[in-house]
PDB file of N, CA and C in Angstrom:
ATOM      1  N   UNK A   1       0.820  -1.175   0.033  1.00  0.00           N
ATOM      2  CA  UNK A   1      -0.014  -0.003   0.008  1.00  0.00           C
ATOM      3  C   UNK A   1       0.871   1.217  -0.022  1.00  0.00           C
ATOM      4  N   UNK A   2       0.278   2.316  -0.346  1.00  0.00           N
ATOM      5  CA  UNK A   2       1.030   3.560  -0.340  1.00  0.00           C
ATOM      6  C   UNK A   2       0.271   4.654   0.479  1.00  0.00           C
ATOM      7  N   UNK A   3       0.979   5.772   0.654  1.00  0.00           N
ATOM      8  CA  UNK A   3       0.404   6.842   1.469  1.00  0.00           C
ATOM      9  C   UNK A   3      -0.926   7.368   0.929  1.00  0.00           C
ATOM     10  N   UNK A   4      -0.955   7.523  -0.315  1.00  0.00           N
ATOM     11  CA  UNK A   4      -2.174   8.025  -0.979  1.00  0.00           C
ATOM     12  C   UNK A   4      -3.426   7.170  -0.657  1.00  0.00           C
ATOM     13  N   UNK A   5      -3.240   5.830  -0.650  1.00  0.00           N
ATOM     14  CA  UNK A   5      -4.337   4.911  -0.414  1.00  0.00           C
ATOM     15  C   UNK A   5      -4.723   4.964   1.103  1.00  0.00           C
ATOM     16  N   UNK A   6      -3.816   5.238   1.955  1.00  0.00           N
ATOM     17  CA  UNK A   6      -4.096   5.330   3.418  1.00  0.00           C
ATOM     18  C   UNK A   6      -4.896   6.643   3.614  1.00  0.00           C
ATOM     19  N   UNK A   7      -4.558   7.718   3.024  1.00  0.00           N
ATOM     20  CA  UNK A   7      -5.303   9.030   3.070  1.00  0.00           C
ATOM     21  C   UNK A   7      -6.717   8.736   2.722  1.00  0.00           C
ATOM     22  N   UNK A   8      -6.940   8.085   1.536  1.00  0.00           N
ATOM     23  CA  UNK A   8      -8.306   7.744   1.119  1.00  0.00           C
ATOM     24  C   UNK A   8      -9.032   6.879   2.142  1.00  0.00           C
ATOM     25  N   UNK A   9      -8.418   5.796   2.595  1.00  0.00           N
ATOM     26  CA  UNK A   9      -9.040   4.945   3.593  1.00  0.00           C
ATOM     27  C   UNK A   9      -9.524   5.648   4.799  1.00  0.00           C
ATOM     28  N   UNK A  10      -8.731   6.616   5.268  1.00  0.00           N
ATOM     29  CA  UNK A  10      -9.042   7.359   6.510  1.00  0.00           C
ATOM     30  C   UNK A  10      -9.888   8.636   6.270  1.00  0.00           C
ATOM     31  N   UNK A  11      -9.970   9.078   5.071  1.00  0.00           N
ATOM     32  CA  UNK A  11     -10.637  10.346   4.775  1.00  0.00           C
ATOM     33  C   UNK A  11      -9.921  11.443   5.531  1.00  0.00           C
ATOM     34  N   UNK A  12      -8.553  11.379   5.557  1.00  0.00           N
ATOM     35  CA  UNK A  12      -7.699  12.208   6.375  1.00  0.00           C
ATOM     36  C   UNK A  12      -7.502  13.545   5.740  1.00  0.00           C
ATOM     37  N   UNK A  13      -7.154  14.493   6.652  1.00  0.00           N
ATOM     38  CA  UNK A  13      -6.642  15.835   6.296  1.00  0.00           C
ATOM     39  C   UNK A  13      -5.139  15.812   6.145  1.00  0.00           C
ATOM     40  N   UNK A  14      -4.655  16.432   5.119  1.00  0.00           N
ATOM     41  CA  UNK A  14      -3.206  16.468   4.873  1.00  0.00           C
ATOM     42  C   UNK A  14      -2.598  17.672   5.599  1.00  0.00           C
ATOM     43  N   UNK A  15      -1.596  17.410   6.471  1.00  0.00           N
ATOM     44  CA  UNK A  15      -0.759  18.376   7.076  1.00  0.00           C
ATOM     45  C   UNK A  15       0.377  18.824   6.051  1.00  0.00           C
ATOM     46  N   UNK A  16       1.069  17.799   5.695  1.00  0.00           N
ATOM     47  CA  UNK A  16       2.091  17.873   4.603  1.00  0.00           C
ATOM     48  C   UNK A  16       2.224  16.555   3.918  1.00  0.00           C
ATOM     49  N   UNK A  17       2.412  16.661   2.635  1.00  0.00           N
ATOM     50  CA  UNK A  17       2.533  15.496   1.850  1.00  0.00           C
ATOM     51  C   UNK A  17       3.578  15.608   0.820  1.00  0.00           C
ATOM     52  N   UNK A  18       4.683  15.013   1.081  1.00  0.00           N
ATOM     53  CA  UNK A  18       5.873  15.097   0.220  1.00  0.00           C
ATOM     54  C   UNK A  18       5.969  13.981  -0.830  1.00  0.00           C
ATOM     55  N   UNK A  19       5.538  12.780  -0.334  1.00  0.00           N
ATOM     56  CA  UNK A  19       5.673  11.622  -1.189  1.00  0.00           C
ATOM     57  C   UNK A  19       4.350  10.762  -1.182  1.00  0.00           C
ATOM     58  N   UNK A  20       3.346  11.123  -1.916  1.00  0.00           N
ATOM     59  CA  UNK A  20       2.055  10.462  -1.879  1.00  0.00           C
ATOM     60  C   UNK A  20       2.191   8.927  -2.299  1.00  0.00           C
ATOM     61  N   UNK A  21       3.134   8.627  -3.132  1.00  0.00           N
ATOM     62  CA  UNK A  21       3.252   7.308  -3.640  1.00  0.00           C
ATOM     63  C   UNK A  21       4.173   6.425  -2.833  1.00  0.00           C
ATOM     64  N   UNK A  22       4.812   6.994  -1.802  1.00  0.00           N
ATOM     65  CA  UNK A  22       5.757   6.247  -0.938  1.00  0.00           C
ATOM     66  C   UNK A  22       5.074   4.977  -0.382  1.00  0.00           C
ATOM     67  N   UNK A  23       5.750   3.941  -0.488  1.00  0.00           N
ATOM     68  CA  UNK A  23       5.185   2.643   0.020  1.00  0.00           C
ATOM     69  C   UNK A  23       5.227   2.519   1.584  1.00  0.00           C
ATOM     70  N   UNK A  24       4.218   1.859   2.083  1.00  0.00           N
ATOM     71  CA  UNK A  24       4.065   1.607   3.524  1.00  0.00           C
ATOM     72  C   UNK A  24       4.142   0.151   3.705  1.00  0.00           C
ATOM     73  N   UNK A  25       5.053  -0.389   4.536  1.00  0.00           N
ATOM     74  CA  UNK A  25       5.172  -1.825   4.634  1.00  0.00           C
ATOM     75  C   UNK A  25       4.882  -2.396   6.065  1.00  0.00           C
ATOM     76  N   UNK A  26       4.483  -1.517   6.915  1.00  0.00           N
ATOM     77  CA  UNK A  26       4.126  -1.982   8.273  1.00  0.00           C
ATOM     78  C   UNK A  26       3.487  -0.825   8.984  1.00  0.00           C
ATOM     79  N   UNK A  27       3.261  -1.070  10.254  1.00  0.00           N
ATOM     80  CA  UNK A  27       2.637  -0.022  11.066  1.00  0.00           C
ATOM     81  C   UNK A  27       3.069  -0.098  12.547  1.00  0.00           C
ATOM     82  N   UNK A  28       2.863   1.047  13.290  1.00  0.00           N
ATOM     83  CA  UNK A  28       3.127   1.049  14.701  1.00  0.00           C
ATOM     84  C   UNK A  28       2.209   2.053  15.267  1.00  0.00           C
ATOM     85  N   UNK A  29       1.661   1.688  16.519  1.00  0.00           N
ATOM     86  CA  UNK A  29       0.807   2.557  17.253  1.00  0.00           C
ATOM     87  C   UNK A  29       1.524   2.778  18.621  1.00  0.00           C
ATOM     88  N   UNK A  30       1.583   4.073  18.965  1.00  0.00           N
ATOM     89  CA  UNK A  30       2.188   4.342  20.297  1.00  0.00           C
ATOM     90  C   UNK A  30       2.616   5.859  20.446  1.00  0.00           C
ATOM     91  N   UNK A  31       2.739   6.161  21.706  1.00  0.00           N
ATOM     92  CA  UNK A  31       3.053   7.563  22.038  1.00  0.00           C
ATOM     93  C   UNK A  31       4.337   7.684  22.910  1.00  0.00           C
ATOM     94  N   UNK A  32       4.880   6.611  23.231  1.00  0.00           N
ATOM     95  CA  UNK A  32       6.081   6.557  24.078  1.00  0.00           C
ATOM     96  C   UNK A  32       7.215   6.596  22.962  1.00  0.00           C
ATOM     97  N   UNK A  33       7.811   7.746  22.799  1.00  0.00           N
ATOM     98  CA  UNK A  33       8.719   8.089  21.727  1.00  0.00           C
ATOM     99  C   UNK A  33       9.903   7.157  21.642  1.00  0.00           C
ATOM    100  N   UNK A  34      10.551   6.782  22.747  1.00  0.00           N
ATOM    101  CA  UNK A  34      11.709   5.887  22.687  1.00  0.00           C
ATOM    102  C   UNK A  34      11.270   4.499  22.099  1.00  0.00           C
ATOM    103  N   UNK A  35      10.027   4.056  22.381  1.00  0.00           N
ATOM    104  CA  UNK A  35       9.517   2.806  21.862  1.00  0.00           C
ATOM    105  C   UNK A  35       9.369   2.910  20.334  1.00  0.00           C
ATOM    106  N   UNK A  36       8.842   4.042  19.877  1.00  0.00           N
ATOM    107  CA  UNK A  36       8.614   4.244  18.442  1.00  0.00           C
ATOM    108  C   UNK A  36       9.961   4.249  17.741  1.00  0.00           C
ATOM    109  N   UNK A  37      10.943   4.878  18.311  1.00  0.00           N
ATOM    110  CA  UNK A  37      12.292   4.856  17.673  1.00  0.00           C
ATOM    111  C   UNK A  37      12.916   3.479  17.596  1.00  0.00           C
ATOM    112  N   UNK A  38      12.705   2.687  18.620  1.00  0.00           N
ATOM    113  CA  UNK A  38      13.406   1.417  18.652  1.00  0.00           C
ATOM    114  C   UNK A  38      12.564   0.260  18.023  1.00  0.00           C
ATOM    115  N   UNK A  39      11.237   0.433  17.919  1.00  0.00           N
ATOM    116  CA  UNK A  39      10.341  -0.639  17.465  1.00  0.00           C
ATOM    117  C   UNK A  39       9.556  -0.452  16.180  1.00  0.00           C
ATOM    118  N   UNK A  40       9.371   0.781  15.714  1.00  0.00           N
ATOM    119  CA  UNK A  40       8.589   0.997  14.566  1.00  0.00           C
ATOM    120  C   UNK A  40       9.452   0.581  13.317  1.00  0.00           C
ATOM    121  N   UNK A  41       8.862  -0.237  12.474  1.00  0.00           N
ATOM    122  CA  UNK A  41       9.659  -0.612  11.275  1.00  0.00           C
ATOM    123  C   UNK A  41       9.873   0.586  10.382  1.00  0.00           C
ATOM    124  N   UNK A  42      10.998   0.554   9.666  1.00  0.00           N
ATOM    125  CA  UNK A  42      11.243   1.549   8.648  1.00  0.00           C
ATOM    126  C   UNK A  42      10.140   1.367   7.561  1.00  0.00           C
ATOM    127  N   UNK A  43       9.805   2.511   6.983  1.00  0.00           N
ATOM    128  CA  UNK A  43       8.767   2.590   5.934  1.00  0.00           C
ATOM    129  C   UNK A  43       7.367   2.198   6.390  1.00  0.00           C
ATOM    130  N   UNK A  44       7.144   2.448   7.730  1.00  0.00           N
ATOM    131  CA  UNK A  44       5.826   2.148   8.357  1.00  0.00           C
ATOM    132  C   UNK A  44       4.972   3.383   8.419  1.00  0.00           C
ATOM    133  N   UNK A  45       3.785   3.135   8.861  1.00  0.00           N
ATOM    134  CA  UNK A  45       2.778   4.210   9.219  1.00  0.00           C
ATOM    135  C   UNK A  45       2.715   4.188  10.721  1.00  0.00           C
ATOM    136  N   UNK A  46       2.867   5.432  11.277  1.00  0.00           N
ATOM    137  CA  UNK A  46       2.866   5.528  12.703  1.00  0.00           C
ATOM    138  C   UNK A  46       1.522   6.292  13.132  1.00  0.00           C
ATOM    139  N   UNK A  47       0.760   5.635  14.009  1.00  0.00           N
ATOM    140  CA  UNK A  47      -0.519   6.146  14.542  1.00  0.00           C
ATOM    141  C   UNK A  47      -0.193   6.735  15.962  1.00  0.00           C
ATOM    142  N   UNK A  48      -0.501   8.000  16.198  1.00  0.00           N
ATOM    143  CA  UNK A  48      -0.254   8.653  17.443  1.00  0.00           C
ATOM    144  C   UNK A  48      -1.211   9.735  17.761  1.00  0.00           C
ATOM    145  N   UNK A  49      -1.180  10.200  18.965  1.00  0.00           N
ATOM    146  CA  UNK A  49      -1.919  11.417  19.350  1.00  0.00           C
ATOM    147  C   UNK A  49      -0.985  12.461  19.860  1.00  0.00           C
ATOM    148  N   UNK A  50       0.305  12.263  19.699  1.00  0.00           N
ATOM    149  CA  UNK A  50       1.306  13.312  20.090  1.00  0.00           C
ATOM    150  C   UNK A  50       1.293  14.398  19.051  1.00  0.00           C
ATOM    151  N   UNK A  51       1.564  15.576  19.512  1.00  0.00           N
ATOM    152  CA  UNK A  51       1.565  16.765  18.558  1.00  0.00           C
ATOM    153  C   UNK A  51       2.635  17.771  18.882  1.00  0.00           C
ATOM    154  N   UNK A  52       3.743  17.351  19.270  1.00  0.00           N
ATOM    155  CA  UNK A  52       4.869  18.378  19.536  1.00  0.00           C
ATOM    156  C   UNK A  52       6.000  18.052  18.509  1.00  0.00           C
ATOM    157  N   UNK A  53       6.955  19.016  18.619  1.00  0.00           N
ATOM    158  CA  UNK A  53       8.117  18.917  17.664  1.00  0.00           C
ATOM    159  C   UNK A  53       8.866  17.578  17.718  1.00  0.00           C
ATOM    160  N   UNK A  54       8.838  16.859  18.820  1.00  0.00           N
ATOM    161  CA  UNK A  54       9.582  15.640  18.904  1.00  0.00           C
ATOM    162  C   UNK A  54       9.013  14.522  17.864  1.00  0.00           C
ATOM    163  N   UNK A  55       7.762  14.635  17.511  1.00  0.00           N
ATOM    164  CA  UNK A  55       7.176  13.711  16.571  1.00  0.00           C
ATOM    165  C   UNK A  55       7.962  13.778  15.247  1.00  0.00           C
ATOM    166  N   UNK A  56       8.337  14.902  14.769  1.00  0.00           N
ATOM    167  CA  UNK A  56       9.121  15.045  13.519  1.00  0.00           C
ATOM    168  C   UNK A  56      10.516  14.429  13.682  1.00  0.00           C
ATOM    169  N   UNK A  57      11.164  14.573  14.818  1.00  0.00           N
ATOM    170  CA  UNK A  57      12.435  13.945  15.048  1.00  0.00           C
ATOM    171  C   UNK A  57      12.311  12.422  15.066  1.00  0.00           C
ATOM    172  N   UNK A  58      11.333  11.911  15.720  1.00  0.00           N
ATOM    173  CA  UNK A  58      11.098  10.471  15.766  1.00  0.00           C
ATOM    174  C   UNK A  58      10.803   9.914  14.392  1.00  0.00           C
ATOM    175  N   UNK A  59       9.960  10.625  13.679  1.00  0.00           N
ATOM    176  CA  UNK A  59       9.611  10.143  12.315  1.00  0.00           C
ATOM    177  C   UNK A  59      10.879  10.059  11.426  1.00  0.00           C
ATOM    178  N   UNK A  60      11.753  11.029  11.582  1.00  0.00           N
ATOM    179  CA  UNK A  60      13.028  11.021  10.841  1.00  0.00           C
ATOM    180  C   UNK A  60      13.920   9.941  11.314  1.00  0.00           C
ATOM    181  N   UNK A  61      14.157   9.781  12.608  1.00  0.00           N
ATOM    182  CA  UNK A  61      15.029   8.740  13.121  1.00  0.00           C
ATOM    183  C   UNK A  61      14.666   7.397  12.782  1.00  0.00           C
ATOM    184  N   UNK A  62      13.299   7.106  12.791  1.00  0.00           N
ATOM    185  CA  UNK A  62      12.780   5.743  12.540  1.00  0.00           C
ATOM    186  C   UNK A  62      12.533   5.537  11.092  1.00  0.00           C
ATOM    187  N   UNK A  63      12.715   6.501  10.238  1.00  0.00           N
ATOM    188  CA  UNK A  63      12.474   6.413   8.749  1.00  0.00           C
ATOM    189  C   UNK A  63      11.038   5.917   8.525  1.00  0.00           C
ATOM    190  N   UNK A  64      10.086   6.627   9.251  1.00  0.00           N
ATOM    191  CA  UNK A  64       8.711   6.281   9.118  1.00  0.00           C
ATOM    192  C   UNK A  64       8.132   7.078   7.826  1.00  0.00           C
ATOM    193  N   UNK A  65       7.323   6.299   7.081  1.00  0.00           N
ATOM    194  CA  UNK A  65       6.832   6.850   5.862  1.00  0.00           C
ATOM    195  C   UNK A  65       5.717   7.900   6.043  1.00  0.00           C
ATOM    196  N   UNK A  66       4.885   7.655   7.062  1.00  0.00           N
ATOM    197  CA  UNK A  66       3.758   8.465   7.315  1.00  0.00           C
ATOM    198  C   UNK A  66       3.402   8.531   8.795  1.00  0.00           C
ATOM    199  N   UNK A  67       3.150   9.743   9.308  1.00  0.00           N
ATOM    200  CA  UNK A  67       2.610   9.823  10.623  1.00  0.00           C
ATOM    201  C   UNK A  67       1.127  10.191  10.527  1.00  0.00           C
ATOM    202  N   UNK A  68       0.266   9.477  11.258  1.00  0.00           N
ATOM    203  CA  UNK A  68      -1.155   9.769  11.325  1.00  0.00           C
ATOM    204  C   UNK A  68      -1.476  10.274  12.753  1.00  0.00           C
ATOM    205  N   UNK A  69      -1.882  11.554  12.833  1.00  0.00           N
ATOM    206  CA  UNK A  69      -2.300  12.074  14.119  1.00  0.00           C
ATOM    207  C   UNK A  69      -3.782  11.726  14.231  1.00  0.00           C
ATOM    208  N   UNK A  70      -4.150  10.993  15.278  1.00  0.00           N
ATOM    209  CA  UNK A  70      -5.528  10.455  15.432  1.00  0.00           C
ATOM    210  C   UNK A  70      -6.314  11.351  16.397  1.00  0.00           C
ATOM    211  N   UNK A  71      -7.584  11.016  16.483  1.00  0.00           N
ATOM    212  CA  UNK A  71      -8.537  11.725  17.330  1.00  0.00           C
ATOM    213  C   UNK A  71      -8.676  13.204  17.148  1.00  0.00           C
ATOM    214  N   UNK A  72      -8.413  13.580  15.866  1.00  0.00           N
ATOM    215  CA  UNK A  72      -8.543  14.966  15.513  1.00  0.00           C
ATOM    216  C   UNK A  72      -7.434  15.912  16.021  1.00  0.00           C
ATOM    217  N   UNK A  73      -6.406  15.275  16.597  1.00  0.00           N
ATOM    218  CA  UNK A  73      -5.277  16.068  17.116  1.00  0.00           C
ATOM    219  C   UNK A  73      -4.593  16.873  16.004  1.00  0.00           C
ATOM    220  N   UNK A  74      -4.425  18.090  16.165  1.00  0.00           N
ATOM    221  CA  UNK A  74      -3.778  18.949  15.138  1.00  0.00           C
ATOM    222  C   UNK A  74      -2.347  19.210  15.632  1.00  0.00           C
ATOM    223  N   UNK A  75      -1.377  19.260  14.685  1.00  0.00           N
ATOM    224  CA  UNK A  75      -0.007  19.565  15.060  1.00  0.00           C
ATOM    225  C   UNK A  75       0.120  20.966  15.579  1.00  0.00           C
ATOM    226  N   UNK A  76       0.981  21.222  16.618  1.00  0.00           N
ATOM    227  CA  UNK A  76       1.208  22.601  16.997  1.00  0.00           C
ATOM    228  C   UNK A  76       2.060  23.234  15.854  1.00  0.00           C
ATOM    229  N   UNK A  77       2.184  24.531  15.928  1.00  0.00           N
ATOM    230  CA  UNK A  77       2.922  25.280  14.893  1.00  0.00           C
ATOM    231  C   UNK A  77       4.374  24.815  14.694  1.00  0.00           C
ATOM    232  N   UNK A  78       5.012  24.546  15.771  1.00  0.00           N
ATOM    233  CA  UNK A  78       6.412  24.111  15.711  1.00  0.00           C
ATOM    234  C   UNK A  78       6.527  22.785  14.988  1.00  0.00           C
ATOM    235  N   UNK A  79       5.634  21.831  15.273  1.00  0.00           N
ATOM    236  CA  UNK A  79       5.642  20.533  14.571  1.00  0.00           C
ATOM    237  C   UNK A  79       5.286  20.754  13.135  1.00  0.00           C
ATOM    238  N   UNK A  80       4.267  21.532  12.795  1.00  0.00           N
ATOM    239  CA  UNK A  80       3.889  21.796  11.427  1.00  0.00           C
ATOM    240  C   UNK A  80       5.096  22.269  10.616  1.00  0.00           C
ATOM    241  N   UNK A  81       5.800  23.272  11.185  1.00  0.00           N
ATOM    242  CA  UNK A  81       6.923  23.844  10.537  1.00  0.00           C
ATOM    243  C   UNK A  81       8.070  22.845  10.327  1.00  0.00           C
ATOM    244  N   UNK A  82       8.256  21.972  11.326  1.00  0.00           N
ATOM    245  CA  UNK A  82       9.332  20.907  11.187  1.00  0.00           C
ATOM    246  C   UNK A  82       8.954  19.883  10.135  1.00  0.00           C
ATOM    247  N   UNK A  83       7.707  19.520  10.126  1.00  0.00           N
ATOM    248  CA  UNK A  83       7.296  18.576   9.128  1.00  0.00           C
ATOM    249  C   UNK A  83       7.512  19.081   7.665  1.00  0.00           C
ATOM    250  N   UNK A  84       7.192  20.281   7.458  1.00  0.00           N
ATOM    251  CA  UNK A  84       7.383  20.962   6.171  1.00  0.00           C
ATOM    252  C   UNK A  84       8.910  21.091   5.872  1.00  0.00           C
ATOM    253  N   UNK A  85       9.622  21.591   6.891  1.00  0.00           N
ATOM    254  CA  UNK A  85      11.101  21.710   6.625  1.00  0.00           C
ATOM    255  C   UNK A  85      11.765  20.422   6.360  1.00  0.00           C
ATOM    256  N   UNK A  86      11.406  19.389   6.966  1.00  0.00           N
ATOM    257  CA  UNK A  86      12.109  18.094   6.768  1.00  0.00           C
ATOM    258  C   UNK A  86      11.517  17.242   5.697  1.00  0.00           C
ATOM    259  N   UNK A  87      10.411  17.698   5.037  1.00  0.00           N
ATOM    260  CA  UNK A  87       9.777  16.977   3.925  1.00  0.00           C
ATOM    261  C   UNK A  87       9.148  15.705   4.409  1.00  0.00           C
ATOM    262  N   UNK A  88       8.475  15.692   5.542  1.00  0.00           N
ATOM    263  CA  UNK A  88       7.848  14.551   6.091  1.00  0.00           C
ATOM    264  C   UNK A  88       6.368  14.437   5.673  1.00  0.00           C
ATOM    265  N   UNK A  89       5.797  13.285   5.716  1.00  0.00           N
ATOM    266  CA  UNK A  89       4.413  13.030   5.352  1.00  0.00           C
ATOM    267  C   UNK A  89       3.603  12.936   6.672  1.00  0.00           C
ATOM    268  N   UNK A  90       2.581  13.753   6.767  1.00  0.00           N
ATOM    269  CA  UNK A  90       1.761  13.785   7.950  1.00  0.00           C
ATOM    270  C   UNK A  90       0.350  14.135   7.667  1.00  0.00           C
ATOM    271  N   UNK A  91      -0.560  13.300   8.293  1.00  0.00           N
ATOM    272  CA  UNK A  91      -2.040  13.604   8.123  1.00  0.00           C
ATOM    273  C   UNK A  91      -2.697  13.525   9.365  1.00  0.00           C
ATOM    274  N   UNK A  92      -3.977  13.958   9.396  1.00  0.00           N
ATOM    275  CA  UNK A  92      -4.814  13.937  10.610  1.00  0.00           C
ATOM    276  C   UNK A  92      -6.165  13.202  10.276  1.00  0.00           C
ATOM    277  N   UNK A  93      -6.576  12.338  11.224  1.00  0.00           N
ATOM    278  CA  UNK A  93      -7.853  11.725  11.107  1.00  0.00           C
ATOM    279  C   UNK A  93      -8.598  11.981  12.414  1.00  0.00           C
ATOM    280  N   UNK A  94      -9.910  12.031  12.331  1.00  0.00           N
ATOM    281  CA  UNK A  94     -10.755  12.222  13.587  1.00  0.00           C
ATOM    282  C   UNK A  94     -10.925  10.908  14.314  1.00  0.00           C
ATOM    283  N   UNK A  95     -10.587   9.796  13.616  1.00  0.00           N
ATOM    284  CA  UNK A  95     -10.728   8.428  14.196  1.00  0.00           C
ATOM    285  C   UNK A  95      -9.869   8.191  15.348  1.00  0.00           C
ATOM    286  N   UNK A  96     -10.304   7.426  16.392  1.00  0.00           N
ATOM    287  CA  UNK A  96      -9.457   6.929  17.415  1.00  0.00           C
ATOM    288  C   UNK A  96      -8.391   6.011  16.799  1.00  0.00           C
ATOM    289  N   UNK A  97      -7.260   5.857  17.468  1.00  0.00           N
ATOM    290  CA  UNK A  97      -6.170   5.012  16.947  1.00  0.00           C
ATOM    291  C   UNK A  97      -6.679   3.636  16.488  1.00  0.00           C
ATOM    292  N   UNK A  98      -7.400   2.893  17.310  1.00  0.00           N
ATOM    293  CA  UNK A  98      -7.835   1.554  16.965  1.00  0.00           C
ATOM    294  C   UNK A  98      -8.703   1.572  15.706  1.00  0.00           C
ATOM    295  N   UNK A  99      -9.645   2.492  15.629  1.00  0.00           N
ATOM    296  CA  UNK A  99     -10.535   2.605  14.462  1.00  0.00           C
ATOM    297  C   UNK A  99      -9.757   3.016  13.187  1.00  0.00           C
ATOM    298  N   UNK A 100      -8.736   3.897  13.333  1.00  0.00           N
ATOM    299  CA  UNK A 100      -7.925   4.300  12.197  1.00  0.00           C
ATOM    300  C   UNK A 100      -7.106   3.091  11.642  1.00  0.00           C
ATOM    301  N   UNK A 101      -6.588   2.271  12.530  1.00  0.00           N
ATOM    302  CA  UNK A 101      -5.831   1.052  12.069  1.00  0.00           C
ATOM    303  C   UNK A 101      -6.765   0.107  11.370  1.00  0.00           C
ATOM    304  N   UNK A 102      -7.945  -0.085  11.882  1.00  0.00           N
ATOM    305  CA  UNK A 102      -8.944  -1.014  11.307  1.00  0.00           C
ATOM    306  C   UNK A 102      -9.356  -0.527   9.919  1.00  0.00           C
ATOM    307  N   UNK A 103      -9.316   0.853   9.735  1.00  0.00           N
ATOM    308  CA  UNK A 103      -9.848   1.377   8.420  1.00  0.00           C
ATOM    309  C   UNK A 103      -8.869   1.200   7.282  1.00  0.00           C
ATOM    310  N   UNK A 104      -7.665   0.858   7.570  1.00  0.00           N
ATOM    311  CA  UNK A 104      -6.683   0.663   6.482  1.00  0.00           C
ATOM    312  C   UNK A 104      -6.884  -0.651   5.803  1.00  0.00           C
ATOM    313  N   UNK A 105      -6.991  -0.542   4.475  1.00  0.00           N
ATOM    314  CA  UNK A 105      -7.275  -1.724   3.641  1.00  0.00           C
ATOM    315  C   UNK A 105      -5.993  -2.287   2.996  1.00  0.00           C
TER     316      UNK A 105
END
């Protein structure tokens, strides 16, 4: 699957989209950032409710394809700027984490 298909499955709002065709080969759910860094597979989609600048750093360190902010959480201005600056893919869904994961086909 690719990022574009995940956006469609979730009916998500785009925060920043650098690579809509980038492949996603796995997933990770969590908000404990050190766990995400050490356990999220490269090229995965990360479901979280975190919305601070550390999310961009974790996404970069773990080589995560796409970060999905769940439960309608919007990125703060610092995170939004970092995502754009680093060319990261980030979207927002109003779905809870569990429902968002289930919606992916």
